[in-house]
């Protein structure tokens, strides 16, 4: 991410632009206390879109781990991948 504490994770990727999700999400938290989006909430999300190769995509998959799943979404730039949390939403 442009302002991520770990910008090296996307080293080699090309920033394309920002996009808003067509579907809405709710927020949850992984077992490591990292936030994540889950389908079914009431808010669209704005995120960054990058172009990257398969090698970098596999590295990001490994970093995200098994608490997230990669799903395809539509953006103004065409299809893109988004990581969604598999856990339960945060209780308020």
N, C-alpha and C. Protein backbone atom coordinates (compact mmCIF):
# COMPACT_ATOMS: atom_id res chain seq x y z
N UNK A 1 0.83 -1.18 0.00
CA UNK A 1 0.00 0.00 0.00
C UNK A 1 0.87 1.24 0.00
N UNK A 2 0.33 2.28 -0.55
CA UNK A 2 1.08 3.53 -0.67
C UNK A 2 1.60 4.03 0.68
N UNK A 3 0.81 3.91 1.74
CA UNK A 3 1.23 4.41 3.06
C UNK A 3 1.35 3.26 4.06
N UNK A 4 1.66 2.09 3.58
CA UNK A 4 1.79 0.91 4.42
C UNK A 4 3.07 0.95 5.23
N UNK A 5 3.05 0.36 6.44
CA UNK A 5 4.29 0.24 7.19
C UNK A 5 5.22 -0.79 6.55
N UNK A 6 4.71 -1.59 5.62
CA UNK A 6 5.48 -2.62 4.92
C UNK A 6 5.46 -2.39 3.41
N UNK A 7 5.94 -1.24 2.93
CA UNK A 7 5.85 -0.96 1.49
C UNK A 7 6.68 -1.92 0.65
N UNK A 8 7.67 -2.57 1.26
CA UNK A 8 8.51 -3.51 0.51
C UNK A 8 7.73 -4.73 0.04
N UNK A 9 6.59 -5.02 0.66
CA UNK A 9 5.80 -6.19 0.25
C UNK A 9 5.30 -6.07 -1.19
N UNK A 10 5.14 -4.85 -1.66
CA UNK A 10 4.66 -4.63 -3.03
C UNK A 10 5.78 -4.14 -3.96
N UNK A 11 7.02 -4.33 -3.53
CA UNK A 11 8.14 -3.93 -4.37
C UNK A 11 8.09 -4.70 -5.69
N UNK A 12 8.12 -3.97 -6.78
CA UNK A 12 8.02 -4.57 -8.11
C UNK A 12 6.63 -4.47 -8.70
N UNK A 13 5.64 -4.11 -7.88
CA UNK A 13 4.26 -3.94 -8.38
C UNK A 13 4.08 -2.51 -8.89
N UNK A 14 3.20 -2.36 -9.86
CA UNK A 14 2.92 -1.03 -10.40
C UNK A 14 1.58 -0.54 -9.85
N UNK A 15 1.60 0.62 -9.21
CA UNK A 15 0.38 1.23 -8.69
C UNK A 15 -0.47 1.70 -9.88
N UNK A 16 -1.74 1.26 -9.92
CA UNK A 16 -2.66 1.61 -11.00
C UNK A 16 -3.57 2.77 -10.59
N UNK A 17 -4.14 2.68 -9.40
CA UNK A 17 -5.04 3.73 -8.93
C UNK A 17 -5.87 3.25 -7.77
N UNK A 18 -6.81 4.08 -7.37
CA UNK A 18 -7.73 3.75 -6.28
C UNK A 18 -9.05 3.27 -6.88
N UNK A 19 -9.73 2.38 -6.14
CA UNK A 19 -11.03 1.89 -6.59
C UNK A 19 -11.93 1.65 -5.39
N UNK A 20 -13.22 1.84 -5.59
CA UNK A 20 -14.24 1.58 -4.57
C UNK A 20 -14.94 0.28 -4.91
N UNK A 21 -15.16 -0.57 -3.91
CA UNK A 21 -15.82 -1.86 -4.16
C UNK A 21 -17.28 -1.67 -4.54
N UNK A 22 -17.76 -2.52 -5.41
CA UNK A 22 -19.17 -2.48 -5.81
C UNK A 22 -20.05 -3.08 -4.70
N UNK A 23 -19.51 -4.06 -3.97
CA UNK A 23 -20.24 -4.71 -2.88
C UNK A 23 -19.86 -4.07 -1.55
N UNK A 24 -20.67 -4.34 -0.54
CA UNK A 24 -20.41 -3.78 0.77
C UNK A 24 -19.81 -4.84 1.70
N UNK A 25 -19.12 -4.36 2.71
CA UNK A 25 -18.38 -5.24 3.62
C UNK A 25 -18.56 -4.80 5.06
N UNK A 26 -18.22 -5.70 5.97
CA UNK A 26 -18.10 -5.39 7.39
C UNK A 26 -16.66 -5.73 7.77
N UNK A 27 -16.21 -5.18 8.87
CA UNK A 27 -14.83 -5.41 9.29
C UNK A 27 -14.76 -6.48 10.37
N UNK A 28 -13.69 -7.25 10.31
CA UNK A 28 -13.40 -8.27 11.30
C UNK A 28 -11.94 -8.15 11.70
N UNK A 29 -11.51 -9.03 12.60
CA UNK A 29 -10.12 -9.03 13.06
C UNK A 29 -9.61 -10.46 13.06
N UNK A 30 -8.40 -10.66 12.52
CA UNK A 30 -7.79 -11.98 12.50
C UNK A 30 -7.31 -12.35 13.90
N UNK A 31 -6.84 -13.58 14.06
CA UNK A 31 -6.33 -14.02 15.37
C UNK A 31 -5.07 -13.25 15.76
N UNK A 32 -4.40 -12.63 14.79
CA UNK A 32 -3.22 -11.81 15.06
C UNK A 32 -3.57 -10.33 15.21
N UNK A 33 -4.86 -10.04 15.34
CA UNK A 33 -5.37 -8.68 15.52
C UNK A 33 -5.20 -7.78 14.31
N UNK A 34 -5.12 -8.37 13.11
CA UNK A 34 -5.09 -7.58 11.88
C UNK A 34 -6.51 -7.41 11.36
N UNK A 35 -6.88 -6.21 10.93
CA UNK A 35 -8.23 -6.01 10.39
C UNK A 35 -8.39 -6.65 9.03
N UNK A 36 -9.62 -6.96 8.70
CA UNK A 36 -9.91 -7.53 7.40
C UNK A 36 -11.36 -7.32 7.02
N UNK A 37 -11.62 -7.27 5.73
CA UNK A 37 -12.97 -7.08 5.21
C UNK A 37 -13.68 -8.43 5.09
N UNK A 38 -14.99 -8.40 5.38
CA UNK A 38 -15.83 -9.57 5.24
C UNK A 38 -17.08 -9.17 4.47
N UNK A 39 -17.57 -10.02 3.56
CA UNK A 39 -18.78 -9.68 2.80
C UNK A 39 -19.99 -9.50 3.71
N UNK A 40 -20.93 -8.70 3.26
CA UNK A 40 -22.21 -8.63 3.93
C UNK A 40 -22.45 -7.43 4.81
N UNK A 41 -21.53 -6.54 4.91
CA UNK A 41 -21.74 -5.36 5.74
C UNK A 41 -22.44 -4.26 4.97
N UNK A 42 -22.36 -3.08 5.48
CA UNK A 42 -23.07 -1.98 4.87
C UNK A 42 -22.21 -0.89 4.28
N UNK A 43 -20.92 -1.17 4.07
CA UNK A 43 -20.05 -0.10 3.59
C UNK A 43 -19.16 -0.58 2.46
N UNK A 44 -19.12 0.21 1.38
CA UNK A 44 -18.17 -0.05 0.30
C UNK A 44 -16.79 0.37 0.79
N UNK A 45 -15.76 -0.26 0.27
CA UNK A 45 -14.39 0.03 0.67
C UNK A 45 -13.62 0.67 -0.47
N UNK A 46 -12.71 1.55 -0.14
CA UNK A 46 -11.80 2.13 -1.13
C UNK A 46 -10.43 1.52 -0.89
N UNK A 47 -9.83 1.03 -1.96
CA UNK A 47 -8.52 0.40 -1.85
C UNK A 47 -7.64 0.76 -3.03
N UNK A 48 -6.43 0.27 -2.97
CA UNK A 48 -5.45 0.52 -4.02
C UNK A 48 -5.39 -0.66 -4.96
N UNK A 49 -5.23 -0.38 -6.25
CA UNK A 49 -5.13 -1.41 -7.28
C UNK A 49 -3.70 -1.40 -7.84
N UNK A 50 -3.12 -2.59 -7.91
CA UNK A 50 -1.75 -2.74 -8.42
C UNK A 50 -1.73 -3.78 -9.53
N UNK A 51 -0.76 -3.66 -10.39
CA UNK A 51 -0.44 -4.69 -11.38
C UNK A 51 0.81 -5.40 -10.89
N UNK A 52 0.76 -6.73 -10.81
CA UNK A 52 1.92 -7.49 -10.33
C UNK A 52 1.96 -8.85 -10.99
N UNK A 53 3.11 -9.50 -10.90
CA UNK A 53 3.28 -10.80 -11.54
C UNK A 53 2.90 -11.94 -10.58
N UNK A 54 2.85 -13.16 -11.12
CA UNK A 54 2.44 -14.33 -10.35
C UNK A 54 3.37 -14.60 -9.16
N UNK A 55 4.66 -14.36 -9.34
CA UNK A 55 5.62 -14.60 -8.26
C UNK A 55 5.30 -13.72 -7.06
N UNK A 56 5.07 -12.44 -7.30
CA UNK A 56 4.74 -11.53 -6.22
C UNK A 56 3.38 -11.87 -5.62
N UNK A 57 2.43 -12.26 -6.45
CA UNK A 57 1.10 -12.64 -5.96
C UNK A 57 1.21 -13.83 -5.00
N UNK A 58 2.02 -14.82 -5.33
CA UNK A 58 2.21 -15.97 -4.44
C UNK A 58 2.86 -15.55 -3.12
N UNK A 59 3.80 -14.60 -3.17
CA UNK A 59 4.42 -14.10 -1.94
C UNK A 59 3.40 -13.40 -1.05
N UNK A 60 2.51 -12.63 -1.67
CA UNK A 60 1.48 -11.95 -0.90
C UNK A 60 0.49 -12.95 -0.32
N UNK A 61 0.13 -13.98 -1.10
CA UNK A 61 -0.73 -15.05 -0.58
C UNK A 61 -0.12 -15.67 0.67
N UNK A 62 1.17 -15.94 0.62
CA UNK A 62 1.86 -16.55 1.76
C UNK A 62 1.84 -15.59 2.96
N UNK A 63 2.10 -14.31 2.72
CA UNK A 63 2.08 -13.32 3.79
C UNK A 63 0.69 -13.23 4.42
N UNK A 64 -0.36 -13.20 3.61
CA UNK A 64 -1.73 -13.07 4.13
C UNK A 64 -2.12 -14.30 4.94
N UNK A 65 -1.59 -15.45 4.60
CA UNK A 65 -1.84 -16.67 5.38
C UNK A 65 -3.21 -17.27 5.14
N UNK A 66 -3.55 -18.22 6.02
CA UNK A 66 -4.79 -18.99 5.81
C UNK A 66 -6.02 -18.36 6.46
N UNK A 67 -5.87 -17.21 7.09
CA UNK A 67 -7.03 -16.53 7.67
C UNK A 67 -7.73 -15.62 6.66
N UNK A 68 -7.12 -15.48 5.49
CA UNK A 68 -7.68 -14.65 4.43
C UNK A 68 -7.85 -15.48 3.17
N UNK A 69 -8.82 -15.12 2.37
CA UNK A 69 -8.97 -15.77 1.07
C UNK A 69 -8.92 -14.68 0.00
N UNK A 70 -8.34 -15.04 -1.13
CA UNK A 70 -8.22 -14.10 -2.24
C UNK A 70 -9.44 -14.30 -3.14
N UNK A 71 -10.19 -13.22 -3.40
CA UNK A 71 -11.37 -13.28 -4.24
C UNK A 71 -11.26 -12.23 -5.34
N UNK A 72 -11.85 -12.51 -6.47
CA UNK A 72 -11.82 -11.57 -7.58
C UNK A 72 -12.96 -10.57 -7.45
N UNK A 73 -12.63 -9.30 -7.65
CA UNK A 73 -13.64 -8.24 -7.65
C UNK A 73 -13.48 -7.42 -8.93
N UNK A 74 -14.50 -6.65 -9.25
CA UNK A 74 -14.44 -5.75 -10.41
C UNK A 74 -14.01 -4.37 -9.95
N UNK A 75 -13.17 -3.73 -10.75
CA UNK A 75 -12.74 -2.36 -10.49
C UNK A 75 -12.88 -1.58 -11.80
N UNK A 76 -12.77 -0.27 -11.76
CA UNK A 76 -12.81 0.51 -13.00
C UNK A 76 -11.66 0.14 -13.95
N UNK A 77 -10.63 -0.55 -13.41
CA UNK A 77 -9.47 -0.94 -14.21
C UNK A 77 -9.58 -2.37 -14.73
N UNK A 78 -10.67 -3.05 -14.40
CA UNK A 78 -10.85 -4.45 -14.76
C UNK A 78 -10.83 -5.32 -13.51
N UNK A 79 -10.84 -6.64 -13.67
CA UNK A 79 -10.84 -7.53 -12.52
C UNK A 79 -9.58 -7.35 -11.67
N UNK A 80 -9.74 -7.53 -10.36
CA UNK A 80 -8.61 -7.43 -9.42
C UNK A 80 -8.84 -8.42 -8.29
N UNK A 81 -7.77 -8.72 -7.57
CA UNK A 81 -7.86 -9.59 -6.41
C UNK A 81 -8.01 -8.75 -5.14
N UNK A 82 -8.79 -9.29 -4.21
CA UNK A 82 -8.97 -8.66 -2.90
C UNK A 82 -8.88 -9.78 -1.86
N UNK A 83 -8.25 -9.49 -0.74
CA UNK A 83 -8.18 -10.47 0.35
C UNK A 83 -9.30 -10.20 1.33
N UNK A 84 -10.07 -11.26 1.63
CA UNK A 84 -11.17 -11.16 2.58
C UNK A 84 -10.87 -12.05 3.78
N UNK A 85 -11.22 -11.56 4.94
CA UNK A 85 -11.03 -12.28 6.19
C UNK A 85 -12.03 -13.43 6.28
N UNK A 86 -11.57 -14.57 6.76
CA UNK A 86 -12.45 -15.73 6.93
C UNK A 86 -13.09 -15.77 8.32
N UNK A 87 -12.64 -14.92 9.24
CA UNK A 87 -13.10 -14.94 10.64
C UNK A 87 -14.46 -14.28 10.80
N UNK A 88 -14.92 -14.28 12.04
CA UNK A 88 -16.18 -13.65 12.41
C UNK A 88 -15.99 -12.14 12.53
N UNK A 89 -17.05 -11.35 12.30
CA UNK A 89 -16.93 -9.90 12.41
C UNK A 89 -16.70 -9.46 13.85
N UNK A 90 -16.15 -8.27 13.99
CA UNK A 90 -15.93 -7.68 15.31
C UNK A 90 -17.28 -7.36 15.94
N UNK A 91 -17.45 -7.73 17.20
CA UNK A 91 -18.71 -7.43 17.89
C UNK A 91 -18.60 -6.04 18.51
N UNK A 92 -19.65 -5.24 18.32
CA UNK A 92 -19.65 -3.88 18.87
C UNK A 92 -20.53 -3.81 20.09
